[in-house]
N, C-alpha and C. Protein backbone atom coordinates (compact mmCIF):
# COMPACT_ATOMS: atom_id res chain seq x y z
N MET A 1 26.65 -3.54 -0.48
CA MET A 1 25.36 -3.95 -0.99
C MET A 1 24.32 -2.90 -0.61
N ALA A 2 23.47 -2.55 -1.53
CA ALA A 2 22.40 -1.59 -1.27
C ALA A 2 21.06 -2.27 -1.51
N ARG A 3 20.05 -1.83 -0.78
CA ARG A 3 18.69 -2.32 -1.01
C ARG A 3 17.72 -1.23 -0.62
N VAL A 4 16.59 -1.20 -1.28
CA VAL A 4 15.56 -0.22 -0.95
C VAL A 4 14.93 -0.66 0.37
N ALA A 5 14.89 0.26 1.35
CA ALA A 5 14.35 -0.08 2.66
C ALA A 5 12.91 0.40 2.82
N LEU A 6 12.63 1.63 2.38
CA LEU A 6 11.31 2.21 2.55
C LEU A 6 10.89 2.97 1.31
N VAL A 7 9.57 3.02 1.11
CA VAL A 7 8.97 3.86 0.08
C VAL A 7 7.99 4.77 0.80
N ASN A 8 8.07 6.06 0.55
CA ASN A 8 7.20 7.04 1.20
C ASN A 8 5.85 7.08 0.49
N VAL A 9 4.77 7.02 1.28
CA VAL A 9 3.42 7.10 0.75
C VAL A 9 2.69 8.22 1.49
N LEU A 10 2.23 9.21 0.74
CA LEU A 10 1.47 10.30 1.36
C LEU A 10 0.06 9.83 1.68
N VAL A 11 -0.40 10.15 2.89
CA VAL A 11 -1.73 9.74 3.34
C VAL A 11 -2.41 10.94 4.00
N ARG A 12 -3.72 10.80 4.26
CA ARG A 12 -4.48 11.87 4.93
C ARG A 12 -4.37 11.80 6.44
N ASP A 13 -4.27 10.57 6.96
CA ASP A 13 -4.35 10.37 8.41
C ASP A 13 -3.58 9.10 8.76
N TYR A 14 -2.77 9.15 9.79
CA TYR A 14 -1.97 7.97 10.16
C TYR A 14 -2.84 6.76 10.50
N ASP A 15 -3.79 6.94 11.41
CA ASP A 15 -4.57 5.80 11.89
C ASP A 15 -5.44 5.21 10.79
N GLU A 16 -6.01 6.07 9.95
CA GLU A 16 -6.80 5.61 8.81
C GLU A 16 -5.93 4.76 7.88
N ALA A 17 -4.72 5.23 7.60
CA ALA A 17 -3.82 4.52 6.69
C ALA A 17 -3.34 3.20 7.30
N ILE A 18 -3.01 3.21 8.59
CA ILE A 18 -2.59 1.97 9.26
C ILE A 18 -3.71 0.95 9.16
N ALA A 19 -4.93 1.36 9.48
CA ALA A 19 -6.07 0.44 9.43
C ALA A 19 -6.26 -0.13 8.03
N PHE A 20 -6.11 0.72 7.01
CA PHE A 20 -6.31 0.23 5.65
C PHE A 20 -5.21 -0.76 5.25
N TYR A 21 -3.95 -0.36 5.35
CA TYR A 21 -2.88 -1.21 4.83
C TYR A 21 -2.71 -2.50 5.62
N THR A 22 -2.98 -2.48 6.92
CA THR A 22 -2.90 -3.72 7.69
C THR A 22 -4.13 -4.58 7.43
N GLY A 23 -5.29 -3.97 7.32
CA GLY A 23 -6.52 -4.73 7.10
C GLY A 23 -6.68 -5.21 5.68
N ALA A 24 -6.45 -4.34 4.71
CA ALA A 24 -6.69 -4.68 3.31
C ALA A 24 -5.61 -5.58 2.74
N PHE A 25 -4.37 -5.30 3.03
CA PHE A 25 -3.26 -6.02 2.42
C PHE A 25 -2.54 -6.96 3.38
N GLY A 26 -2.97 -6.97 4.65
CA GLY A 26 -2.35 -7.87 5.61
C GLY A 26 -0.94 -7.50 6.01
N LEU A 27 -0.56 -6.24 5.80
CA LEU A 27 0.77 -5.80 6.21
C LEU A 27 0.78 -5.63 7.73
N ASP A 28 1.96 -5.68 8.30
CA ASP A 28 2.12 -5.49 9.74
C ASP A 28 2.54 -4.06 10.03
N LEU A 29 2.10 -3.55 11.16
CA LEU A 29 2.60 -2.26 11.64
C LEU A 29 3.97 -2.53 12.24
N LEU A 30 5.01 -2.05 11.58
CA LEU A 30 6.38 -2.31 12.00
C LEU A 30 6.92 -1.25 12.94
N GLU A 31 6.43 -0.02 12.79
CA GLU A 31 6.90 1.06 13.66
C GLU A 31 5.86 2.17 13.69
N ASP A 32 5.69 2.76 14.86
CA ASP A 32 4.82 3.92 15.03
C ASP A 32 5.41 4.73 16.18
N SER A 33 6.26 5.68 15.82
CA SER A 33 6.99 6.46 16.82
C SER A 33 6.65 7.93 16.70
N PRO A 34 6.34 8.59 17.85
CA PRO A 34 6.06 10.03 17.81
C PRO A 34 7.30 10.81 17.38
N GLN A 35 7.07 11.86 16.60
CA GLN A 35 8.17 12.71 16.12
C GLN A 35 8.03 14.16 16.60
N GLY A 36 7.00 14.41 17.41
CA GLY A 36 6.75 15.77 17.89
C GLY A 36 5.83 16.52 16.96
N ALA A 37 5.16 17.51 17.49
CA ALA A 37 4.26 18.38 16.73
C ALA A 37 3.19 17.59 15.97
N GLY A 38 2.75 16.46 16.56
CA GLY A 38 1.70 15.67 15.92
C GLY A 38 2.19 14.75 14.80
N ARG A 39 3.46 14.81 14.47
CA ARG A 39 4.02 13.96 13.41
C ARG A 39 4.42 12.62 14.01
N ARG A 40 4.37 11.58 13.17
CA ARG A 40 4.76 10.23 13.59
C ARG A 40 5.59 9.59 12.50
N TRP A 41 6.46 8.67 12.90
CA TRP A 41 7.20 7.84 11.97
C TRP A 41 6.47 6.50 11.95
N VAL A 42 5.73 6.26 10.85
CA VAL A 42 4.89 5.07 10.76
C VAL A 42 5.35 4.23 9.57
N VAL A 43 5.61 2.95 9.84
CA VAL A 43 6.05 2.03 8.80
C VAL A 43 5.20 0.77 8.86
N VAL A 44 4.66 0.37 7.71
CA VAL A 44 3.99 -0.92 7.58
C VAL A 44 4.74 -1.74 6.55
N GLY A 45 4.66 -3.05 6.69
CA GLY A 45 5.34 -3.90 5.73
C GLY A 45 5.24 -5.35 6.12
N SER A 46 6.02 -6.17 5.45
CA SER A 46 6.06 -7.60 5.73
C SER A 46 7.08 -7.85 6.83
N PRO A 47 6.74 -8.64 7.81
CA PRO A 47 7.69 -8.88 8.90
C PRO A 47 8.93 -9.65 8.46
N ASP A 48 8.85 -10.33 7.32
CA ASP A 48 9.98 -11.12 6.85
C ASP A 48 10.89 -10.37 5.88
N GLY A 49 10.73 -9.07 5.79
CA GLY A 49 11.64 -8.28 4.97
C GLY A 49 10.99 -7.65 3.76
N GLY A 50 11.82 -7.10 2.92
CA GLY A 50 11.34 -6.36 1.76
C GLY A 50 11.17 -4.89 2.13
N ALA A 51 10.92 -4.08 1.16
CA ALA A 51 10.75 -2.65 1.39
C ALA A 51 9.46 -2.41 2.16
N GLY A 52 9.51 -1.51 3.12
CA GLY A 52 8.32 -1.13 3.86
C GLY A 52 7.72 0.13 3.28
N LEU A 53 6.51 0.44 3.73
CA LEU A 53 5.86 1.70 3.35
C LEU A 53 5.94 2.64 4.54
N ARG A 54 6.55 3.79 4.35
CA ARG A 54 6.53 4.83 5.36
C ARG A 54 5.30 5.68 5.08
N LEU A 55 4.36 5.69 6.01
CA LEU A 55 3.12 6.44 5.84
C LEU A 55 3.33 7.85 6.37
N ALA A 56 3.25 8.83 5.50
CA ALA A 56 3.51 10.22 5.86
C ALA A 56 2.27 11.06 5.59
N VAL A 57 1.76 11.71 6.64
CA VAL A 57 0.62 12.61 6.43
C VAL A 57 1.09 13.79 5.59
N ALA A 58 0.33 14.08 4.56
CA ALA A 58 0.67 15.18 3.65
C ALA A 58 0.77 16.49 4.42
N LYS A 59 1.81 17.23 4.12
CA LYS A 59 1.99 18.56 4.70
C LYS A 59 1.12 19.55 3.93
N PRO A 60 0.89 20.74 4.50
CA PRO A 60 0.14 21.75 3.75
C PRO A 60 0.77 21.96 2.36
N GLY A 61 -0.06 21.96 1.36
CA GLY A 61 0.42 22.11 -0.02
C GLY A 61 0.65 20.78 -0.72
N GLN A 62 0.67 19.68 0.04
CA GLN A 62 0.87 18.36 -0.55
C GLN A 62 -0.43 17.56 -0.67
N GLU A 63 -1.52 18.08 -0.14
CA GLU A 63 -2.77 17.32 -0.08
C GLU A 63 -3.20 16.78 -1.43
N ALA A 64 -3.01 17.55 -2.49
CA ALA A 64 -3.43 17.12 -3.82
C ALA A 64 -2.60 15.95 -4.34
N LEU A 65 -1.46 15.68 -3.71
CA LEU A 65 -0.60 14.58 -4.14
C LEU A 65 -0.99 13.25 -3.51
N VAL A 66 -1.82 13.27 -2.47
CA VAL A 66 -2.25 12.02 -1.83
C VAL A 66 -3.00 11.19 -2.87
N GLY A 67 -2.52 9.98 -3.09
CA GLY A 67 -3.13 9.08 -4.07
C GLY A 67 -2.72 9.35 -5.50
N ARG A 68 -1.91 10.37 -5.73
CA ARG A 68 -1.51 10.75 -7.10
C ARG A 68 0.01 10.79 -7.25
N GLN A 69 0.72 10.21 -6.32
CA GLN A 69 2.19 10.26 -6.35
C GLN A 69 2.77 9.67 -7.62
N ASN A 70 2.06 8.72 -8.21
CA ASN A 70 2.55 8.03 -9.41
C ASN A 70 1.71 8.35 -10.64
N GLY A 71 0.97 9.45 -10.57
CA GLY A 71 0.10 9.79 -11.68
C GLY A 71 -0.95 8.71 -11.86
N ASP A 72 -1.17 8.29 -13.09
CA ASP A 72 -2.14 7.24 -13.37
C ASP A 72 -1.50 5.86 -13.48
N SER A 73 -0.20 5.78 -13.19
CA SER A 73 0.52 4.51 -13.32
C SER A 73 0.42 3.69 -12.05
N VAL A 74 0.60 2.39 -12.21
CA VAL A 74 0.75 1.52 -11.04
C VAL A 74 2.04 1.92 -10.35
N GLY A 75 1.95 2.18 -9.06
CA GLY A 75 3.13 2.60 -8.32
C GLY A 75 3.62 1.58 -7.32
N PHE A 76 2.79 0.57 -7.03
CA PHE A 76 3.13 -0.39 -5.99
C PHE A 76 2.80 -1.80 -6.46
N PHE A 77 3.58 -2.76 -6.00
CA PHE A 77 3.44 -4.14 -6.41
C PHE A 77 3.44 -5.01 -5.16
N LEU A 78 2.39 -5.80 -5.00
CA LEU A 78 2.22 -6.63 -3.83
C LEU A 78 2.14 -8.09 -4.26
N HIS A 79 3.10 -8.91 -3.82
CA HIS A 79 3.06 -10.34 -4.09
C HIS A 79 2.31 -11.02 -2.96
N VAL A 80 1.39 -11.91 -3.32
CA VAL A 80 0.56 -12.60 -2.34
C VAL A 80 0.54 -14.09 -2.64
N ASP A 81 0.23 -14.89 -1.61
CA ASP A 81 0.12 -16.34 -1.79
C ASP A 81 -1.24 -16.74 -2.35
N ASP A 82 -2.28 -15.98 -2.00
CA ASP A 82 -3.65 -16.33 -2.41
C ASP A 82 -4.34 -15.06 -2.90
N LEU A 83 -4.36 -14.87 -4.20
CA LEU A 83 -4.93 -13.65 -4.79
C LEU A 83 -6.40 -13.49 -4.45
N ASP A 84 -7.16 -14.56 -4.52
CA ASP A 84 -8.60 -14.46 -4.26
C ASP A 84 -8.88 -14.01 -2.82
N ALA A 85 -8.18 -14.59 -1.86
CA ALA A 85 -8.39 -14.21 -0.46
C ALA A 85 -7.93 -12.78 -0.21
N THR A 86 -6.79 -12.41 -0.77
CA THR A 86 -6.28 -11.05 -0.59
C THR A 86 -7.23 -10.04 -1.22
N LEU A 87 -7.72 -10.35 -2.41
CA LEU A 87 -8.64 -9.44 -3.08
C LEU A 87 -9.92 -9.26 -2.26
N ALA A 88 -10.48 -10.33 -1.75
CA ALA A 88 -11.69 -10.23 -0.93
C ALA A 88 -11.43 -9.37 0.30
N GLN A 89 -10.30 -9.58 0.94
CA GLN A 89 -9.92 -8.80 2.12
C GLN A 89 -9.74 -7.33 1.76
N ALA A 90 -9.07 -7.05 0.65
CA ALA A 90 -8.84 -5.67 0.23
C ALA A 90 -10.15 -4.96 -0.09
N LEU A 91 -11.05 -5.65 -0.81
CA LEU A 91 -12.33 -5.05 -1.16
C LEU A 91 -13.15 -4.76 0.09
N ALA A 92 -13.08 -5.63 1.07
CA ALA A 92 -13.82 -5.43 2.32
C ALA A 92 -13.33 -4.21 3.08
N HIS A 93 -12.11 -3.77 2.80
CA HIS A 93 -11.53 -2.61 3.47
C HIS A 93 -11.53 -1.36 2.59
N GLY A 94 -12.21 -1.42 1.45
CA GLY A 94 -12.37 -0.23 0.63
C GLY A 94 -11.52 -0.13 -0.61
N ALA A 95 -10.70 -1.14 -0.92
CA ALA A 95 -9.95 -1.11 -2.18
C ALA A 95 -10.94 -1.26 -3.33
N VAL A 96 -10.55 -0.73 -4.49
CA VAL A 96 -11.42 -0.76 -5.67
C VAL A 96 -10.67 -1.40 -6.83
N PRO A 97 -11.21 -2.48 -7.39
CA PRO A 97 -10.54 -3.08 -8.55
C PRO A 97 -10.75 -2.21 -9.79
N THR A 98 -9.74 -2.17 -10.64
CA THR A 98 -9.87 -1.40 -11.88
C THR A 98 -10.00 -2.31 -13.09
N GLU A 99 -9.99 -3.62 -12.84
CA GLU A 99 -10.06 -4.61 -13.92
C GLU A 99 -10.44 -5.94 -13.33
N GLU A 100 -10.60 -6.93 -14.18
CA GLU A 100 -10.81 -8.31 -13.75
C GLU A 100 -9.44 -8.97 -13.52
N ILE A 101 -9.42 -10.03 -12.74
CA ILE A 101 -8.18 -10.80 -12.58
C ILE A 101 -7.76 -11.33 -13.94
N ARG A 102 -6.49 -11.24 -14.22
CA ARG A 102 -5.98 -11.74 -15.50
C ARG A 102 -4.80 -12.69 -15.25
N GLU A 103 -4.64 -13.61 -16.19
CA GLU A 103 -3.54 -14.57 -16.14
C GLU A 103 -2.40 -14.03 -16.99
N GLU A 104 -1.23 -13.91 -16.39
CA GLU A 104 -0.03 -13.46 -17.08
C GLU A 104 1.03 -14.55 -16.94
N PRO A 105 2.07 -14.54 -17.78
CA PRO A 105 3.13 -15.54 -17.63
C PRO A 105 3.76 -15.54 -16.23
N HIS A 106 3.78 -14.39 -15.59
CA HIS A 106 4.40 -14.29 -14.26
C HIS A 106 3.42 -14.56 -13.12
N GLY A 107 2.12 -14.79 -13.44
CA GLY A 107 1.17 -15.14 -12.39
C GLY A 107 -0.20 -14.52 -12.62
N ARG A 108 -1.08 -14.66 -11.61
CA ARG A 108 -2.41 -14.04 -11.64
C ARG A 108 -2.28 -12.63 -11.10
N VAL A 109 -2.93 -11.67 -11.77
CA VAL A 109 -2.73 -10.26 -11.45
C VAL A 109 -4.06 -9.51 -11.50
N ILE A 110 -4.18 -8.53 -10.61
CA ILE A 110 -5.27 -7.57 -10.70
C ILE A 110 -4.74 -6.22 -10.21
N ILE A 111 -5.21 -5.16 -10.83
CA ILE A 111 -4.87 -3.81 -10.37
C ILE A 111 -6.02 -3.33 -9.49
N VAL A 112 -5.67 -2.86 -8.30
CA VAL A 112 -6.65 -2.26 -7.40
C VAL A 112 -6.16 -0.88 -6.98
N GLU A 113 -7.11 -0.03 -6.65
CA GLU A 113 -6.79 1.27 -6.07
C GLU A 113 -6.98 1.17 -4.57
N ASP A 114 -6.02 1.72 -3.84
CA ASP A 114 -6.13 1.70 -2.38
C ASP A 114 -7.06 2.80 -1.89
N LEU A 115 -7.12 3.00 -0.62
CA LEU A 115 -8.00 3.97 0.01
C LEU A 115 -7.83 5.38 -0.56
N TYR A 116 -6.65 5.67 -1.07
CA TYR A 116 -6.33 7.02 -1.55
C TYR A 116 -6.34 7.15 -3.07
N GLY A 117 -6.48 6.03 -3.78
CA GLY A 117 -6.46 6.05 -5.24
C GLY A 117 -5.13 5.62 -5.84
N ASN A 118 -4.13 5.27 -4.99
CA ASN A 118 -2.89 4.72 -5.50
C ASN A 118 -3.19 3.38 -6.16
N ARG A 119 -2.54 3.14 -7.29
CA ARG A 119 -2.77 1.89 -8.03
C ARG A 119 -1.73 0.85 -7.63
N TRP A 120 -2.22 -0.37 -7.36
CA TRP A 120 -1.39 -1.49 -6.94
C TRP A 120 -1.59 -2.66 -7.89
N ASP A 121 -0.51 -3.28 -8.33
CA ASP A 121 -0.56 -4.59 -8.97
C ASP A 121 -0.52 -5.60 -7.84
N VAL A 122 -1.58 -6.36 -7.66
CA VAL A 122 -1.60 -7.45 -6.68
C VAL A 122 -1.37 -8.72 -7.47
N ILE A 123 -0.29 -9.42 -7.13
CA ILE A 123 0.20 -10.52 -7.97
C ILE A 123 0.35 -11.80 -7.14
N GLN A 124 -0.24 -12.87 -7.65
CA GLN A 124 0.04 -14.20 -7.11
C GLN A 124 1.02 -14.83 -8.10
N PRO A 125 2.32 -14.83 -7.75
CA PRO A 125 3.31 -15.30 -8.71
C PRO A 125 3.06 -16.73 -9.17
N ALA A 126 3.43 -16.98 -10.43
CA ALA A 126 3.28 -18.33 -11.02
C ALA A 126 4.21 -19.30 -10.36
């Protein structure tokens, strides 16, 4: 059996990214281990499983990719129990909505951009 364990997300700064993803989306800091030379292995995610986000500071030459890893497409999908509360929390931490909340057959949905401009579908499943 195979399952996706981590998704790499390029960021500008470890602590800035940890503060955003834990504060805005309510994710937990699952790991923060030094790797030498100022590098760290940082993972945020849900404590009950699912794929985590490995937060990686962009290396020289990768800076332009921060927030653009998926082009203009939604690259991340976050399921939540309470869309309104999550949205308020995300906006308070600097997320930017790109649309109004909409009703879809699969639930209530809104696209927001995170601190770096990555696009997220935030979904309260039906």
